[in-house]
Amino acid sequence: MDPTASSAEFFEITVKHGKHVHIVKCSLKSTVADLKREIEALTNIESGGQKLIGLTKLKGVTDGMELKSLQLKAKPKVMVVGTPKQDLEALRPVTENMKSLRKAMTTVKQLSEEVSQLRLMHEDLAKEDSAKDSPKAKIAAAEFSTTFLRLDELLTQQLLGT
């Protein structure tokens, strides 16, 4: 904001953030970016992360626009939505943990689908096994069955935490 401007060139904007209400003194030549910097100083919400609700009904407002061009009401009020820097920093580890958790959930889902397919193969082999005459086929089917049952047991133990 321009401190050399006369008082007639200034107006006040009421800024509400959560339970807090701030009065920001603005020059008619101030831009939206200037207002956002003032709001950042008051709320600790980075200007790029601010959503200003109720500032104007105009569409396509950019940071470089002067406030006087926004057709503001006589006593403009704006509500700021955004997360303060310190909260973003506190959330960062949780956000990273959530990414890891989602990745693990995807892996478990894929593994579950593969085990379901193996279970169907195991059931099919069990049905067909008695009809096969080849000793090698019976040995291979028995080995598959034993290995699958071991895998199934391990997965059950992991899921039960034993």
C-alpha atoms as a PDB file:
ATOM      1  CA  MET A   1       0.000   0.000   0.000  1.00  0.00           C
ATOM      2  CA  ASP A   2       1.257   3.512  -0.782  1.00  0.00           C
ATOM      3  CA  PRO A   3       1.936   5.425   2.495  1.00  0.00           C
ATOM      4  CA  THR A   4       2.385   8.725   0.591  1.00  0.00           C
ATOM      5  CA  ALA A   5      -1.183   8.750  -0.758  1.00  0.00           C
ATOM      6  CA  SER A   6      -3.737  11.121   0.779  1.00  0.00           C
ATOM      7  CA  SER A   7      -6.488   9.755   3.052  1.00  0.00           C
ATOM      8  CA  ALA A   8      -9.091  10.321   0.289  1.00  0.00           C
ATOM      9  CA  GLU A   9      -7.273   7.731  -1.788  1.00  0.00           C
ATOM     10  CA  PHE A  10      -7.663   5.069   0.903  1.00  0.00           C
ATOM     11  CA  PHE A  11     -10.525   2.827   1.901  1.00  0.00           C
ATOM     12  CA  GLU A  12     -10.922  -0.019   4.359  1.00  0.00           C
ATOM     13  CA  ILE A  13     -11.690  -3.649   3.651  1.00  0.00           C
ATOM     14  CA  THR A  14     -13.014  -5.844   6.450  1.00  0.00           C
ATOM     15  CA  VAL A  15     -11.214  -9.184   6.309  1.00  0.00           C
ATOM     16  CA  LYS A  16     -12.637 -12.151   8.190  1.00  0.00           C
ATOM     17  CA  HIS A  17     -10.578 -15.272   8.803  1.00  0.00           C
ATOM     18  CA  GLY A  18     -12.068 -17.852  11.140  1.00  0.00           C
ATOM     19  CA  LYS A  19     -13.064 -16.049  14.336  1.00  0.00           C
ATOM     20  CA  HIS A  20     -10.782 -13.093  13.603  1.00  0.00           C
ATOM     21  CA  VAL A  21     -11.802  -9.856  11.910  1.00  0.00           C
ATOM     22  CA  HIS A  22      -9.156  -7.494  10.548  1.00  0.00           C
ATOM     23  CA  ILE A  23      -9.429  -4.077   8.948  1.00  0.00           C
ATOM     24  CA  VAL A  24      -7.053  -3.571   6.027  1.00  0.00           C
ATOM     25  CA  LYS A  25      -6.433  -0.041   4.784  1.00  0.00           C
ATOM     26  CA  CYS A  26      -5.976  -0.014   1.008  1.00  0.00           C
ATOM     27  CA  SER A  27      -5.049   2.552  -1.589  1.00  0.00           C
ATOM     28  CA  LEU A  28      -7.262   2.881  -4.652  1.00  0.00           C
ATOM     29  CA  LYS A  29      -4.134   1.979  -6.637  1.00  0.00           C
ATOM     30  CA  SER A  30      -3.550  -1.200  -4.612  1.00  0.00           C
ATOM     31  CA  THR A  31      -3.750  -4.464  -6.491  1.00  0.00           C
ATOM     32  CA  VAL A  32      -5.296  -7.745  -5.456  1.00  0.00           C
ATOM     33  CA  ALA A  33      -1.718  -8.984  -4.863  1.00  0.00           C
ATOM     34  CA  ASP A  34      -1.115  -6.044  -2.476  1.00  0.00           C
ATOM     35  CA  LEU A  35      -4.263  -6.970  -0.549  1.00  0.00           C
ATOM     36  CA  LYS A  36      -3.200 -10.613  -0.405  1.00  0.00           C
ATOM     37  CA  ARG A  37       0.227  -9.624   0.976  1.00  0.00           C
ATOM     38  CA  GLU A  38      -1.490  -7.596   3.718  1.00  0.00           C
ATOM     39  CA  ILE A  39      -3.767 -10.552   4.487  1.00  0.00           C
ATOM     40  CA  GLU A  40      -0.746 -12.877   4.577  1.00  0.00           C
ATOM     41  CA  ALA A  41       0.905 -10.622   7.159  1.00  0.00           C
ATOM     42  CA  LEU A  42      -2.252 -10.749   9.303  1.00  0.00           C
ATOM     43  CA  THR A  43      -3.221 -14.419   8.936  1.00  0.00           C
ATOM     44  CA  ASN A  44       0.024 -16.200   7.986  1.00  0.00           C
ATOM     45  CA  ILE A  45      -1.772 -17.708   4.960  1.00  0.00           C
ATOM     46  CA  GLU A  46       0.488 -17.501   1.920  1.00  0.00           C
ATOM     47  CA  SER A  47      -1.011 -15.307  -0.781  1.00  0.00           C
ATOM     48  CA  GLY A  48      -1.014 -18.160  -3.306  1.00  0.00           C
ATOM     49  CA  GLY A  49      -3.040 -20.312  -0.918  1.00  0.00           C
ATOM     50  CA  GLN A  50      -5.697 -17.690  -0.172  1.00  0.00           C
ATOM     51  CA  LYS A  51      -9.225 -17.820  -1.470  1.00  0.00           C
ATOM     52  CA  LEU A  52     -10.957 -14.471  -1.098  1.00  0.00           C
ATOM     53  CA  ILE A  53     -14.706 -14.886  -0.904  1.00  0.00           C
ATOM     54  CA  GLY A  54     -17.029 -11.947  -1.413  1.00  0.00           C
ATOM     55  CA  LEU A  55     -14.444  -9.445  -2.626  1.00  0.00           C
ATOM     56  CA  THR A  56     -16.222  -8.946  -5.938  1.00  0.00           C
ATOM     57  CA  LYS A  57     -18.817 -10.571  -8.136  1.00  0.00           C
ATOM     58  CA  LEU A  58     -16.573 -10.151 -11.172  1.00  0.00           C
ATOM     59  CA  LYS A  59     -15.182 -13.262 -12.837  1.00  0.00           C
ATOM     60  CA  GLY A  60     -11.551 -13.660 -13.857  1.00  0.00           C
ATOM     61  CA  VAL A  61     -10.029 -11.506 -11.125  1.00  0.00           C
ATOM     62  CA  THR A  62      -6.222 -11.650 -11.203  1.00  0.00           C
ATOM     63  CA  ASP A  63      -3.598 -10.584  -8.689  1.00  0.00           C
ATOM     64  CA  GLY A  64      -2.438  -7.741 -10.942  1.00  0.00           C
ATOM     65  CA  MET A  65      -5.851  -6.020 -11.058  1.00  0.00           C
ATOM     66  CA  GLU A  66      -6.262  -2.782  -9.154  1.00  0.00           C
ATOM     67  CA  LEU A  67      -8.866  -2.909  -6.391  1.00  0.00           C
ATOM     68  CA  LYS A  68     -10.614   0.202  -7.788  1.00  0.00           C
ATOM     69  CA  SER A  69     -11.410  -1.781 -10.975  1.00  0.00           C
ATOM     70  CA  LEU A  70     -13.276  -4.514  -9.069  1.00  0.00           C
ATOM     71  CA  GLN A  71     -16.523  -2.582  -8.505  1.00  0.00           C
ATOM     72  CA  LEU A  72     -16.281  -3.020  -4.731  1.00  0.00           C
ATOM     73  CA  LYS A  73     -19.144  -2.153  -2.378  1.00  0.00           C
ATOM     74  CA  ALA A  74     -18.900   0.986  -0.223  1.00  0.00           C
ATOM     75  CA  LYS A  75     -17.679  -1.014   2.782  1.00  0.00           C
ATOM     76  CA  PRO A  76     -16.178  -4.144   1.257  1.00  0.00           C
ATOM     77  CA  LYS A  77     -15.992  -7.323   3.267  1.00  0.00           C
ATOM     78  CA  VAL A  78     -14.036 -10.419   2.351  1.00  0.00           C
ATOM     79  CA  MET A  79     -13.734 -13.826   3.930  1.00  0.00           C
ATOM     80  CA  VAL A  80     -10.347 -15.512   3.602  1.00  0.00           C
ATOM     81  CA  VAL A  81     -10.155 -19.273   3.281  1.00  0.00           C
ATOM     82  CA  GLY A  82      -6.789 -20.973   3.493  1.00  0.00           C
ATOM     83  CA  THR A  83      -4.396 -22.800   5.768  1.00  0.00           C
ATOM     84  CA  PRO A  84      -1.735 -20.868   7.717  1.00  0.00           C
ATOM     85  CA  LYS A  85       1.917 -21.767   7.014  1.00  0.00           C
ATOM     86  CA  GLN A  86       2.498 -23.327  10.436  1.00  0.00           C
ATOM     87  CA  ASP A  87      -0.503 -25.640   9.966  1.00  0.00           C
ATOM     88  CA  LEU A  88       0.727 -26.664   6.503  1.00  0.00           C
ATOM     89  CA  GLU A  89       4.120 -27.523   7.985  1.00  0.00           C
ATOM     90  CA  ALA A  90       2.485 -29.511  10.795  1.00  0.00           C
ATOM     91  CA  LEU A  91       0.351 -31.399   8.253  1.00  0.00           C
ATOM     92  CA  ARG A  92       3.281 -32.280   5.969  1.00  0.00           C
ATOM     93  CA  PRO A  93       4.292 -35.502   7.839  1.00  0.00           C
ATOM     94  CA  VAL A  94       0.668 -36.639   8.005  1.00  0.00           C
ATOM     95  CA  THR A  95       0.266 -35.957   4.290  1.00  0.00           C
ATOM     96  CA  GLU A  96       3.387 -37.991   3.508  1.00  0.00           C
ATOM     97  CA  ASN A  97       2.139 -40.824   5.749  1.00  0.00           C
ATOM     98  CA  MET A  98      -1.217 -40.771   3.962  1.00  0.00           C
ATOM     99  CA  LYS A  99       0.540 -41.105   0.591  1.00  0.00           C
ATOM    100  CA  SER A 100       2.425 -44.153   1.901  1.00  0.00           C
ATOM    101  CA  LEU A 101      -0.779 -45.597   3.334  1.00  0.00           C
ATOM    102  CA  ARG A 102      -2.656 -45.172   0.029  1.00  0.00           C
ATOM    103  CA  LYS A 103       0.231 -46.835  -1.814  1.00  0.00           C
ATOM    104  CA  ALA A 104       0.180 -49.751   0.658  1.00  0.00           C
ATOM    105  CA  MET A 105      -3.601 -50.070   0.302  1.00  0.00           C
ATOM    106  CA  THR A 106      -3.231 -50.261  -3.491  1.00  0.00           C
ATOM    107  CA  THR A 107      -0.546 -52.929  -3.138  1.00  0.00           C
ATOM    108  CA  VAL A 108      -2.705 -54.947  -0.718  1.00  0.00           C
ATOM    109  CA  LYS A 109      -5.674 -54.704  -3.093  1.00  0.00           C
ATOM    110  CA  GLN A 110      -3.551 -55.936  -6.004  1.00  0.00           C
ATOM    111  CA  LEU A 111      -2.134 -58.746  -3.875  1.00  0.00           C
ATOM    112  CA  SER A 112      -5.630 -59.698  -2.725  1.00  0.00           C
ATOM    113  CA  GLU A 113      -6.774 -59.926  -6.346  1.00  0.00           C
ATOM    114  CA  GLU A 114      -3.793 -62.112  -7.247  1.00  0.00           C
ATOM    115  CA  VAL A 115      -4.424 -64.403  -4.251  1.00  0.00           C
ATOM    116  CA  SER A 116      -8.074 -64.705  -5.296  1.00  0.00           C
ATOM    117  CA  GLN A 117      -6.954 -65.811  -8.751  1.00  0.00           C
ATOM    118  CA  LEU A 118      -4.520 -68.301  -7.216  1.00  0.00           C
ATOM    119  CA  ARG A 119      -7.298 -69.623  -4.962  1.00  0.00           C
ATOM    120  CA  LEU A 120      -9.447 -70.283  -8.041  1.00  0.00           C
ATOM    121  CA  MET A 121      -6.518 -72.062  -9.706  1.00  0.00           C
ATOM    122  CA  HIS A 122      -6.011 -74.123  -6.553  1.00  0.00           C
ATOM    123  CA  GLU A 123      -9.664 -75.121  -6.493  1.00  0.00           C
ATOM    124  CA  ASP A 124      -9.594 -76.006 -10.195  1.00  0.00           C
ATOM    125  CA  LEU A 125      -6.459 -78.116  -9.725  1.00  0.00           C
ATOM    126  CA  ALA A 126      -8.023 -79.918  -6.769  1.00  0.00           C
ATOM    127  CA  LYS A 127     -11.013 -80.836  -8.933  1.00  0.00           C
ATOM    128  CA  GLU A 128      -8.897 -81.918 -11.880  1.00  0.00           C
ATOM    129  CA  ASP A 129      -6.140 -83.641  -9.880  1.00  0.00           C
ATOM    130  CA  SER A 130      -8.012 -86.888  -9.306  1.00  0.00           C
ATOM    131  CA  ALA A 131      -8.727 -87.191 -13.032  1.00  0.00           C
ATOM    132  CA  LYS A 132      -5.096 -86.799 -14.153  1.00  0.00           C
ATOM    133  CA  ASP A 133      -3.099 -89.878 -15.017  1.00  0.00           C
ATOM    134  CA  SER A 134       0.299 -88.191 -15.224  1.00  0.00           C
ATOM    135  CA  PRO A 135       2.418 -88.628 -12.073  1.00  0.00           C
ATOM    136  CA  LYS A 136       4.352 -85.415 -12.900  1.00  0.00           C
ATOM    137  CA  ALA A 137       1.112 -83.444 -13.185  1.00  0.00           C
ATOM    138  CA  LYS A 138      -0.007 -84.809  -9.812  1.00  0.00           C
ATOM    139  CA  ILE A 139       3.328 -83.824  -8.221  1.00  0.00           C
ATOM    140  CA  ALA A 140       3.174 -80.328  -9.754  1.00  0.00           C
ATOM    141  CA  ALA A 141      -0.431 -79.889  -8.624  1.00  0.00           C
ATOM    142  CA  ALA A 142       0.454 -81.076  -5.114  1.00  0.00           C
ATOM    143  CA  GLU A 143       3.419 -78.662  -4.983  1.00  0.00           C
ATOM    144  CA  PHE A 144       1.234 -75.779  -6.175  1.00  0.00           C
ATOM    145  CA  SER A 145      -1.406 -76.693  -3.588  1.00  0.00           C
ATOM    146  CA  THR A 146       1.129 -76.899  -0.751  1.00  0.00           C
ATOM    147  CA  THR A 147       2.758 -73.606  -1.731  1.00  0.00           C
ATOM    148  CA  PHE A 148      -0.603 -71.854  -2.085  1.00  0.00           C
ATOM    149  CA  LEU A 149      -1.786 -73.115   1.306  1.00  0.00           C
ATOM    150  CA  ARG A 150       1.483 -71.847   2.861  1.00  0.00           C
ATOM    151  CA  LEU A 151       0.948 -68.437   1.237  1.00  0.00           C
ATOM    152  CA  ASP A 152      -2.663 -68.351   2.395  1.00  0.00           C
ATOM    153  CA  GLU A 153      -1.584 -69.220   5.949  1.00  0.00           C
ATOM    154  CA  LEU A 154       1.121 -66.524   5.943  1.00  0.00           C
ATOM    155  CA  LEU A 155      -1.340 -63.896   4.704  1.00  0.00           C
ATOM    156  CA  THR A 156      -3.863 -64.915   7.346  1.00  0.00           C
ATOM    157  CA  GLN A 157      -1.214 -64.647  10.063  1.00  0.00           C
ATOM    158  CA  GLN A 158      -0.169 -61.207   8.802  1.00  0.00           C
ATOM    159  CA  LEU A 159      -3.751 -59.971   8.707  1.00  0.00           C
ATOM    160  CA  LEU A 160      -4.424 -61.317  12.198  1.00  0.00           C
ATOM    161  CA  GLY A 161      -1.109 -59.960  13.484  1.00  0.00           C
ATOM    162  CA  THR A 162       0.100 -63.294  14.843  1.00  0.00           C
END
